[in-house]
Amino acid sequence: MKSQKLRSILIFLIIFFVGTFIGYKVGSYNVSVAWQNYHVNIVNKEPPPGVENVDFSPMWDVLTKIESDYYNKNALDPKKLVNGAITGMVSSIGDPYTVYLPPVQNSNFKQSLAGQFTGIGAELGMKGNDIVVIAPLAGSPAEKAGIKAGDIINAVNNQITTGWTLEQTVNTIRGPKGTSVALNITHKDTSSPTTINIVRDVITVKSVNGWVKKISDISSIKVPGNGNDQIAYIQLSQFGDSTNQDFVALVNKLNLSIQGNPNFKGVVFDLRNNPGGYLTDAQFVASEFIKDGVIVKEDSGSGEEQTLSVSRKGLLTDVPVVVLINKGTASAAEIVSGALRDRRGAKLIGENSFGKGIVQEADDLSELGTGAGLHVTIAKWLTPDGTWVGDGKNGIGLKPDVEVSLDPKDPSHDTQLEKAVEQLVQ
């Protein structure tokens, strides 16, 4: 009985191992055949006319080696390989503002300029090798959570940002509405990092805001003087798709209270925490205050300077104006600030600006069927008097004529706005 039972067990084991071995060999053969048949078909290898010859053979060699030897062929997505190669090529320039945006990231960028996107509401930039906050948007989850202009982002969701690109950082921070992201940041002028959890939301950017008020009715400042004195306040938070239309509508409305008003003292133009946007919008907005002549100069590196001049007739060309700036004032906002100081003698009040004096051309590559985009730094810009504010990494920025910091112990008291009003009424 025992020998018969033992024999049955041996027969079962033999059948089991033989079946397993056959299955393994068949499976291995099928995988081997499938991998032998795997091939990435490379098209359009030839460079376009006029492009300097570059030896791309190392790239083809690497691609051939990967498709031949990499163990998991399912991970080899041709589109990802191409996007990765282009991203690496562009980032090798070392300019954080010359970037290739794959389709999803390009769509996010266009949505942000259109005035609505999902995220935390903070414009990011580079200072040296650090990812920094250029400016939190007014009323955004980032601002409400305590994120400030100049904050260094050390980590996102416990992932250290050392070596990250702007694109990678933005993509990691963004996410669906209602989800949270943890930012480990170091506030400007502090050395101790802290972690802030922020719940993402739909960010709707209203780029223009303003009013005309009696100075005595402005609750955030304390300026003695004539109780009938009035000022206009115009706040511009970004230069986006609807900025020009919204700006003109606001100015037309305010102008009804300005013209012929004997108590009117001038305009406070608030460009604090404005990260910039379209160059042509900066030209358009500055033309509201400047009658004629140069708004900004461009140096493309060819030895010749191009100029952008006043493009329209503005309503506020004879109105006294002062400009509020801070470390979140960047790019197009710096162009307007510099133009008003150089051409109108407007005082800049507040803190040193960010220092992004370079211009990017945004090309939409959708005509190639990819939906991707390419931003290329094509020039540096200078104020009408020839001042360059820096490359956005180690920027010099615009130095204010009157330097004033906000009081961190009393955020309801806007000391910078107060100083701007004093300049108008003195």
Protein backbone atom coordinates (compact mmCIF):
# COMPACT_ATOMS: atom_id res chain seq x y z
CA MET A 1 0.00 0.00 0.00
CA LYS A 2 2.73 2.44 1.01
CA SER A 3 4.81 1.65 -2.12
CA GLN A 4 1.77 2.19 -4.34
CA LYS A 5 1.06 5.56 -2.66
CA LEU A 6 4.71 6.58 -2.99
CA ARG A 7 4.69 5.67 -6.67
CA SER A 8 1.58 7.81 -7.25
CA ILE A 9 3.27 10.77 -5.59
CA LEU A 10 6.39 10.34 -7.72
CA ILE A 11 4.32 10.16 -10.91
CA PHE A 12 2.48 13.37 -9.90
CA LEU A 13 5.74 15.20 -9.21
CA ILE A 14 7.23 14.08 -12.52
CA ILE A 15 4.13 15.28 -14.41
CA PHE A 16 4.16 18.58 -12.47
CA PHE A 17 7.82 19.37 -13.18
CA VAL A 18 7.60 18.29 -16.82
CA GLY A 19 4.51 20.50 -17.30
CA THR A 20 6.17 23.41 -15.56
CA PHE A 21 9.30 23.04 -17.65
CA ILE A 22 7.32 22.87 -20.91
CA GLY A 23 5.23 25.88 -19.89
CA TYR A 24 8.33 27.86 -19.00
CA LYS A 25 10.01 27.02 -22.32
CA VAL A 26 6.89 27.89 -24.31
CA GLY A 27 6.45 31.14 -22.39
CA SER A 28 10.11 32.04 -22.79
CA TYR A 29 9.95 31.26 -26.48
CA ASN A 30 6.85 33.43 -26.97
CA VAL A 31 8.42 36.33 -25.07
CA SER A 32 11.64 35.89 -26.99
CA VAL A 33 9.80 35.89 -30.33
CA ALA A 34 7.76 38.94 -29.26
CA TRP A 35 10.88 40.85 -28.21
CA GLN A 36 12.67 39.87 -31.43
CA ASN A 37 9.74 41.35 -33.34
CA TYR A 38 9.75 44.56 -31.20
CA HIS A 39 11.16 47.46 -33.14
CA VAL A 40 10.91 51.24 -32.95
CA ASN A 41 10.63 52.53 -36.49
CA ILE A 42 12.62 55.77 -36.68
CA VAL A 43 11.43 58.29 -39.29
CA ASN A 44 12.54 61.79 -40.34
CA LYS A 45 16.20 61.38 -39.43
CA GLU A 46 17.43 63.98 -41.88
CA PRO A 47 18.00 67.52 -40.53
CA PRO A 48 16.02 70.36 -42.15
CA PRO A 49 17.79 72.70 -44.59
CA GLY A 50 19.93 75.37 -42.97
CA VAL A 51 20.50 73.46 -39.73
CA GLU A 52 24.13 72.93 -38.82
CA ASN A 53 25.13 69.30 -39.03
CA VAL A 54 25.02 67.54 -35.68
CA ASP A 55 26.12 63.95 -35.23
CA PHE A 56 23.04 62.18 -33.84
CA SER A 57 24.52 58.71 -34.25
CA PRO A 58 25.10 58.34 -30.45
CA MET A 59 21.37 58.89 -29.93
CA TRP A 60 20.44 56.24 -32.50
CA ASP A 61 23.01 53.87 -30.97
CA VAL A 62 21.53 54.34 -27.51
CA LEU A 63 17.98 53.89 -28.79
CA THR A 64 18.99 50.72 -30.65
CA LYS A 65 20.73 49.38 -27.54
CA ILE A 66 17.70 50.09 -25.36
CA GLU A 67 15.20 48.48 -27.72
CA SER A 68 17.49 45.50 -28.13
CA ASP A 69 18.53 44.85 -24.53
CA TYR A 70 16.05 46.46 -22.13
CA TYR A 71 14.22 43.66 -20.36
CA ASN A 72 10.73 45.25 -20.19
CA LYS A 73 9.67 46.13 -23.69
CA ASN A 74 6.26 47.30 -22.42
CA ALA A 75 8.01 50.28 -20.80
CA LEU A 76 9.38 51.51 -24.14
CA ASP A 77 6.85 54.10 -25.23
CA PRO A 78 8.10 55.80 -28.43
CA LYS A 79 6.31 59.07 -27.62
CA LYS A 80 7.87 59.20 -24.15
CA LEU A 81 11.27 58.44 -25.62
CA VAL A 82 10.95 61.33 -28.06
CA ASN A 83 9.63 63.76 -25.41
CA GLY A 84 12.43 62.76 -23.07
CA ALA A 85 15.07 63.26 -25.76
CA ILE A 86 13.73 66.71 -26.69
CA THR A 87 13.41 67.76 -23.03
CA GLY A 88 17.00 66.72 -22.37
CA MET A 89 18.28 68.52 -25.47
CA VAL A 90 16.56 71.80 -24.53
CA SER A 91 17.49 71.63 -20.83
CA SER A 92 21.16 71.12 -21.74
CA ILE A 93 21.26 74.82 -22.68
CA GLY A 94 21.12 75.63 -18.97
CA ASP A 95 18.41 78.29 -19.29
CA PRO A 96 15.44 77.43 -17.04
CA TYR A 97 13.16 79.60 -19.19
CA THR A 98 13.98 77.84 -22.47
CA VAL A 99 11.83 74.75 -22.13
CA TYR A 100 10.05 72.07 -24.11
CA LEU A 101 6.50 71.47 -22.88
CA PRO A 102 4.94 68.09 -23.70
CA PRO A 103 1.22 68.24 -24.56
CA VAL A 104 -0.20 68.12 -21.01
CA GLN A 105 2.22 70.72 -19.68
CA ASN A 106 1.66 72.97 -22.70
CA SER A 107 -2.08 72.78 -22.11
CA ASN A 108 -1.57 73.71 -18.43
CA PHE A 109 0.52 76.71 -19.42
CA LYS A 110 -2.10 78.02 -21.82
CA GLN A 111 -4.83 77.50 -19.23
CA SER A 112 -2.92 79.58 -16.68
CA LEU A 113 -2.60 82.50 -19.11
CA ALA A 114 -6.28 82.11 -19.95
CA GLY A 115 -6.99 82.78 -16.30
CA GLN A 116 -8.07 79.40 -14.95
CA PHE A 117 -6.26 76.22 -13.93
CA THR A 118 -6.15 73.64 -11.14
CA GLY A 119 -3.35 73.89 -8.61
CA ILE A 120 -2.19 76.00 -5.68
CA GLY A 121 -1.85 79.36 -7.44
CA ALA A 122 1.85 80.25 -7.30
CA GLU A 123 4.22 81.43 -10.01
CA LEU A 124 7.61 79.71 -9.78
CA GLY A 125 11.07 80.65 -11.00
CA MET A 126 14.75 79.87 -10.52
CA LYS A 127 17.35 81.62 -8.37
CA GLY A 128 20.66 79.95 -9.01
CA ASN A 129 19.88 76.26 -8.50
CA ASP A 130 16.88 76.89 -6.24
CA ILE A 131 13.20 76.63 -7.15
CA VAL A 132 11.65 79.81 -5.75
CA VAL A 133 8.20 81.33 -5.54
CA ILE A 134 8.05 84.44 -7.71
CA ALA A 135 4.62 85.29 -6.37
CA PRO A 136 1.52 83.61 -4.93
CA LEU A 137 -1.63 84.72 -6.72
CA ALA A 138 -4.01 86.89 -4.76
CA GLY A 139 -6.60 84.81 -2.91
CA SER A 140 -5.02 81.52 -3.99
CA PRO A 141 -4.60 78.42 -1.77
CA ALA A 142 -0.85 79.14 -1.78
CA GLU A 143 -1.31 82.66 -0.42
CA LYS A 144 -3.86 81.54 2.16
CA ALA A 145 -1.48 78.80 3.35
CA GLY A 146 1.33 81.30 3.95
CA ILE A 147 3.44 80.89 0.80
CA LYS A 148 5.30 84.12 0.07
CA ALA A 149 7.33 85.63 -2.75
CA GLY A 150 10.96 84.57 -2.38
CA ASP A 151 10.21 81.26 -0.64
CA ILE A 152 12.58 78.45 -1.64
CA ILE A 153 10.88 75.11 -2.36
CA ASN A 154 13.11 72.39 -0.91
CA ALA A 155 10.82 69.41 -1.46
CA VAL A 156 7.42 68.47 -2.87
CA ASN A 157 5.64 65.56 -1.18
CA ASN A 158 8.95 64.59 0.47
CA GLN A 159 10.76 64.56 -2.89
CA ILE A 160 13.86 66.76 -2.79
CA THR A 161 13.78 69.34 -5.61
CA THR A 162 17.57 69.51 -6.05
CA GLY A 163 18.24 69.19 -9.78
CA TRP A 164 14.59 69.60 -10.74
CA THR A 165 13.49 71.76 -13.64
CA LEU A 166 10.69 74.32 -13.40
CA GLU A 167 8.53 72.07 -15.55
CA GLN A 168 9.07 69.07 -13.28
CA THR A 169 8.28 71.12 -10.18
CA VAL A 170 5.09 72.62 -11.62
CA ASN A 171 3.88 69.23 -12.84
CA THR A 172 4.43 67.68 -9.41
CA ILE A 173 2.71 70.49 -7.53
CA ARG A 174 -0.33 70.60 -9.78
CA GLY A 175 -3.12 68.08 -9.36
CA PRO A 176 -6.87 67.54 -9.12
CA LYS A 177 -9.08 69.86 -7.12
CA GLY A 178 -9.48 68.81 -3.48
CA THR A 179 -6.20 66.88 -3.29
CA SER A 180 -3.32 68.14 -1.15
CA VAL A 181 0.36 68.70 -1.76
CA ALA A 182 3.07 69.14 0.88
CA LEU A 183 5.71 71.79 0.20
CA ASN A 184 8.83 71.97 2.32
CA ILE A 185 9.91 75.59 2.03
CA THR A 186 12.36 78.05 3.48
CA HIS A 187 11.01 81.57 3.86
CA LYS A 188 13.15 84.46 2.68
CA ASP A 189 15.50 85.77 5.40
CA THR A 190 15.06 82.61 7.51
CA SER A 191 17.17 79.49 7.77
CA SER A 192 14.71 76.97 9.21
CA PRO A 193 12.62 75.06 6.66
CA THR A 194 8.97 74.29 7.31
CA THR A 195 6.41 72.03 5.65
CA ILE A 196 3.12 73.50 4.47
CA ASN A 197 0.20 71.36 3.32
CA ILE A 198 -1.93 73.01 0.63
CA VAL A 199 -5.24 71.79 -0.78
CA ARG A 200 -5.39 72.27 -4.56
CA ASP A 201 -8.29 74.15 -6.08
CA VAL A 202 -9.47 75.67 -9.34
CA ILE A 203 -7.54 78.92 -9.67
CA THR A 204 -9.42 81.71 -11.38
CA VAL A 205 -7.16 84.67 -11.95
CA LYS A 206 -8.77 88.09 -12.07
CA SER A 207 -5.86 90.06 -13.41
CA VAL A 208 -7.23 93.59 -12.89
CA ASN A 209 -8.72 95.36 -9.89
CA GLY A 210 -9.11 99.00 -8.92
CA TRP A 211 -11.03 101.90 -7.40
CA VAL A 212 -11.09 105.64 -6.69
CA LYS A 213 -11.40 106.54 -3.01
CA LYS A 214 -10.88 109.30 -0.51
CA ILE A 215 -7.54 108.71 1.21
CA SER A 216 -9.31 108.85 4.57
CA ASP A 217 -11.49 105.90 3.49
CA ILE A 218 -8.58 103.54 2.76
CA SER A 219 -8.60 101.36 5.85
CA SER A 220 -5.17 99.77 5.37
CA ILE A 221 -3.19 103.04 5.58
CA LYS A 222 -2.76 105.99 7.93
CA VAL A 223 -2.03 109.19 6.00
CA PRO A 224 -2.90 112.57 7.55
CA GLY A 225 -4.04 115.39 5.32
CA ASN A 226 -7.01 116.90 3.53
CA GLY A 227 -10.02 114.68 4.12
CA ASN A 228 -11.23 115.31 0.56
CA ASP A 229 -8.03 114.13 -1.20
CA GLN A 230 -8.62 111.14 -3.50
CA ILE A 231 -6.43 108.63 -5.29
CA ALA A 232 -6.99 105.90 -7.84
CA TYR A 233 -5.65 102.42 -7.17
CA ILE A 234 -5.02 99.95 -10.01
CA GLN A 235 -3.79 96.44 -9.26
CA LEU A 236 -2.53 94.20 -12.06
CA SER A 237 -1.81 90.63 -10.97
CA GLN A 238 -0.61 89.17 -14.30
CA PHE A 239 -0.42 89.77 -18.04
CA GLY A 240 -2.68 87.12 -19.57
CA ASP A 241 -5.17 86.51 -22.34
CA SER A 242 -7.84 88.92 -21.04
CA THR A 243 -5.58 91.53 -19.42
CA ASN A 244 -5.80 94.21 -22.12
CA GLN A 245 -9.58 94.08 -22.36
CA ASP A 246 -10.08 94.08 -18.58
CA PHE A 247 -7.48 96.83 -18.07
CA VAL A 248 -9.08 99.20 -20.59
CA ALA A 249 -12.54 98.57 -19.11
CA LEU A 250 -11.29 99.43 -15.62
CA VAL A 251 -9.40 102.56 -16.72
CA ASN A 252 -12.44 103.82 -18.64
CA LYS A 253 -14.55 103.38 -15.52
CA LEU A 254 -12.06 105.05 -13.18
CA ASN A 255 -11.46 107.90 -15.59
CA LEU A 256 -15.03 109.09 -15.06
CA SER A 257 -14.09 109.90 -11.45
CA ILE A 258 -10.64 111.26 -12.29
CA GLN A 259 -11.22 113.84 -15.03
CA GLY A 260 -12.09 117.28 -13.68
CA ASN A 261 -11.81 116.14 -10.05
CA PRO A 262 -9.99 118.93 -8.12
CA ASN A 263 -9.32 116.60 -5.17
CA PHE A 264 -7.67 113.87 -7.28
CA LYS A 265 -3.96 113.38 -6.47
CA GLY A 266 -2.87 110.55 -8.74
CA VAL A 267 -2.69 106.80 -9.42
CA VAL A 268 -1.06 104.08 -7.36
CA PHE A 269 -0.22 101.31 -9.84
CA ASP A 270 0.25 98.07 -7.90
CA LEU A 271 2.45 95.51 -9.66
CA ARG A 272 3.45 93.62 -6.54
CA ASN A 273 3.48 89.84 -6.98
CA ASN A 274 2.86 90.18 -10.70
CA PRO A 275 4.93 87.41 -12.36
CA GLY A 276 4.58 88.83 -15.86
CA GLY A 277 3.19 87.39 -19.06
CA TYR A 278 2.97 88.60 -22.62
CA LEU A 279 5.49 91.24 -23.78
CA THR A 280 2.91 92.87 -26.08
CA ASP A 281 0.57 93.27 -23.10
CA ALA A 282 3.32 95.10 -21.21
CA GLN A 283 3.63 97.45 -24.19
CA PHE A 284 -0.16 97.92 -24.27
CA VAL A 285 -0.47 98.66 -20.54
CA ALA A 286 2.51 101.04 -20.40
CA SER A 287 0.98 102.97 -23.30
CA GLU A 288 -1.87 103.95 -20.97
CA PHE A 289 0.56 106.18 -19.06
CA ILE A 290 3.14 107.25 -21.68
CA LYS A 291 2.31 109.57 -24.60
CA ASP A 292 4.91 108.45 -27.12
CA GLY A 293 8.35 106.97 -27.61
CA VAL A 294 10.15 103.87 -26.33
CA ILE A 295 8.59 101.40 -23.88
CA VAL A 296 11.29 98.73 -23.92
CA LYS A 297 14.41 97.77 -25.85
CA GLU A 298 15.32 94.26 -27.02
CA ASP A 299 18.84 92.93 -27.53
CA SER A 300 18.79 89.65 -29.44
CA GLY A 301 22.56 89.27 -29.35
CA SER A 302 23.00 90.26 -33.00
CA GLY A 303 24.45 93.63 -32.09
CA GLU A 304 21.32 95.56 -32.99
CA GLU A 305 18.67 96.78 -30.58
CA GLN A 306 14.98 96.63 -31.42
CA THR A 307 12.53 98.95 -29.70
CA LEU A 308 8.88 98.61 -28.78
CA SER A 309 7.18 101.98 -28.57
CA VAL A 310 3.85 103.38 -27.41
CA SER A 311 1.14 101.54 -29.33
CA ARG A 312 -2.01 103.56 -28.56
CA LYS A 313 -3.40 106.74 -27.01
CA GLY A 314 -3.83 106.37 -23.25
CA LEU A 315 -6.12 108.22 -20.84
CA LEU A 316 -3.63 108.55 -17.97
CA THR A 317 -0.65 110.13 -19.70
CA ASP A 318 -0.89 113.38 -17.71
CA VAL A 319 -1.92 111.85 -14.38
CA PRO A 320 0.67 111.58 -11.54
CA VAL A 321 1.55 107.93 -10.95
CA VAL A 322 3.65 105.89 -8.53
CA VAL A 323 4.35 102.16 -8.86
CA LEU A 324 4.38 99.48 -6.17
CA ILE A 325 6.88 96.64 -6.70
CA ASN A 326 8.32 93.77 -4.64
CA LYS A 327 10.35 90.60 -5.09
CA GLY A 328 7.34 89.03 -6.85
CA THR A 329 7.33 91.71 -9.57
CA ALA A 330 8.87 90.01 -12.60
CA SER A 331 9.27 90.00 -16.37
CA ALA A 332 6.52 92.04 -18.10
CA ALA A 333 5.69 93.74 -14.79
CA GLU A 334 9.30 94.90 -14.55
CA ILE A 335 9.13 96.20 -18.13
CA VAL A 336 6.15 98.41 -17.25
CA SER A 337 7.75 99.54 -13.98
CA GLY A 338 11.02 100.45 -15.68
CA ALA A 339 9.25 102.25 -18.53
CA LEU A 340 7.17 104.37 -16.14
CA ARG A 341 10.24 105.33 -14.12
CA ASP A 342 12.41 106.14 -17.15
CA ARG A 343 9.75 107.86 -19.27
CA ARG A 344 7.38 109.38 -16.68
CA GLY A 345 9.64 109.84 -13.68
CA ALA A 346 7.32 107.59 -11.67
CA LYS A 347 8.68 106.60 -8.25
CA LEU A 348 9.03 102.86 -7.58
CA ILE A 349 7.94 102.06 -4.02
CA GLY A 350 8.47 98.84 -2.08
CA GLU A 351 11.14 96.17 -2.47
CA ASN A 352 13.64 95.06 -5.11
CA SER A 353 11.96 93.31 -8.04
CA PHE A 354 12.67 89.73 -9.15
CA GLY A 355 15.10 90.43 -11.99
CA LYS A 356 13.91 88.56 -15.09
CA GLY A 357 15.16 90.61 -18.00
CA ILE A 358 14.85 88.03 -20.77
CA VAL A 359 12.13 87.43 -23.35
CA GLN A 360 10.73 84.07 -24.41
CA GLU A 361 8.99 83.25 -27.66
CA ALA A 362 6.26 80.64 -27.14
CA ASP A 363 5.76 78.35 -30.13
CA ASP A 364 2.77 76.05 -30.22
CA LEU A 365 3.80 72.80 -31.93
CA SER A 366 0.23 71.59 -32.43
CA GLU A 367 0.62 71.93 -36.18
CA LEU A 368 3.01 68.99 -35.93
CA GLY A 369 0.23 66.93 -34.40
CA THR A 370 1.88 66.75 -30.98
CA GLY A 371 0.09 69.43 -28.93
CA ALA A 372 3.45 70.30 -27.39
CA GLY A 373 5.03 73.72 -27.01
CA LEU A 374 8.50 75.22 -27.06
CA HIS A 375 9.57 78.35 -25.16
CA VAL A 376 12.86 79.82 -26.33
CA THR A 377 14.69 82.78 -24.84
CA ILE A 378 15.18 85.02 -27.87
CA ALA A 379 16.47 88.25 -26.34
CA LYS A 380 17.15 90.23 -23.25
CA TRP A 381 15.17 93.39 -22.65
CA LEU A 382 16.30 96.74 -21.29
CA THR A 383 14.40 99.72 -19.91
CA PRO A 384 14.29 102.85 -22.12
CA ASP A 385 17.39 104.15 -20.28
CA GLY A 386 19.27 100.89 -20.97
CA THR A 387 18.91 99.14 -17.60
CA TRP A 388 19.01 95.33 -17.69
CA VAL A 389 17.50 93.62 -14.64
CA GLY A 390 19.15 90.20 -15.03
CA ASP A 391 18.59 86.73 -16.44
CA GLY A 392 15.98 85.51 -13.95
CA LYS A 393 18.46 83.23 -12.17
CA ASN A 394 20.76 85.68 -10.45
CA GLY A 395 18.75 88.76 -11.23
CA ILE A 396 19.66 92.29 -10.28
CA GLY A 397 16.08 93.51 -10.39
CA LEU A 398 14.77 97.06 -10.23
CA LYS A 399 15.81 98.89 -7.08
CA PRO A 400 12.94 100.95 -5.66
CA ASP A 401 13.33 104.70 -5.28
CA VAL A 402 11.72 104.42 -1.86
CA GLU A 403 12.41 101.11 -0.11
CA VAL A 404 9.64 99.97 2.22
CA SER A 405 8.93 96.52 3.68
CA LEU A 406 5.59 95.27 4.89
CA ASP A 407 5.17 94.90 8.64
CA PRO A 408 4.91 91.13 9.31
CA LYS A 409 3.39 91.84 12.73
CA ASP A 410 0.55 93.89 11.24
CA PRO A 411 -0.37 92.60 7.76
CA SER A 412 -3.56 94.67 7.73
CA HIS A 413 -1.44 97.84 7.64
CA ASP A 414 -0.13 98.22 4.08
CA THR A 415 2.99 100.30 4.71
CA GLN A 416 4.00 100.18 1.04
CA LEU A 417 0.65 101.51 -0.18
CA GLU A 418 0.80 104.12 2.58
CA LYS A 419 4.21 105.33 1.37
CA ALA A 420 2.96 105.44 -2.23
CA VAL A 421 0.01 107.64 -1.22
CA GLU A 422 2.35 109.93 0.73
CA GLN A 423 4.41 110.41 -2.44
CA LEU A 424 1.30 111.55 -4.30
CA VAL A 425 0.02 114.02 -1.71
CA GLN A 426 3.32 115.55 -0.55
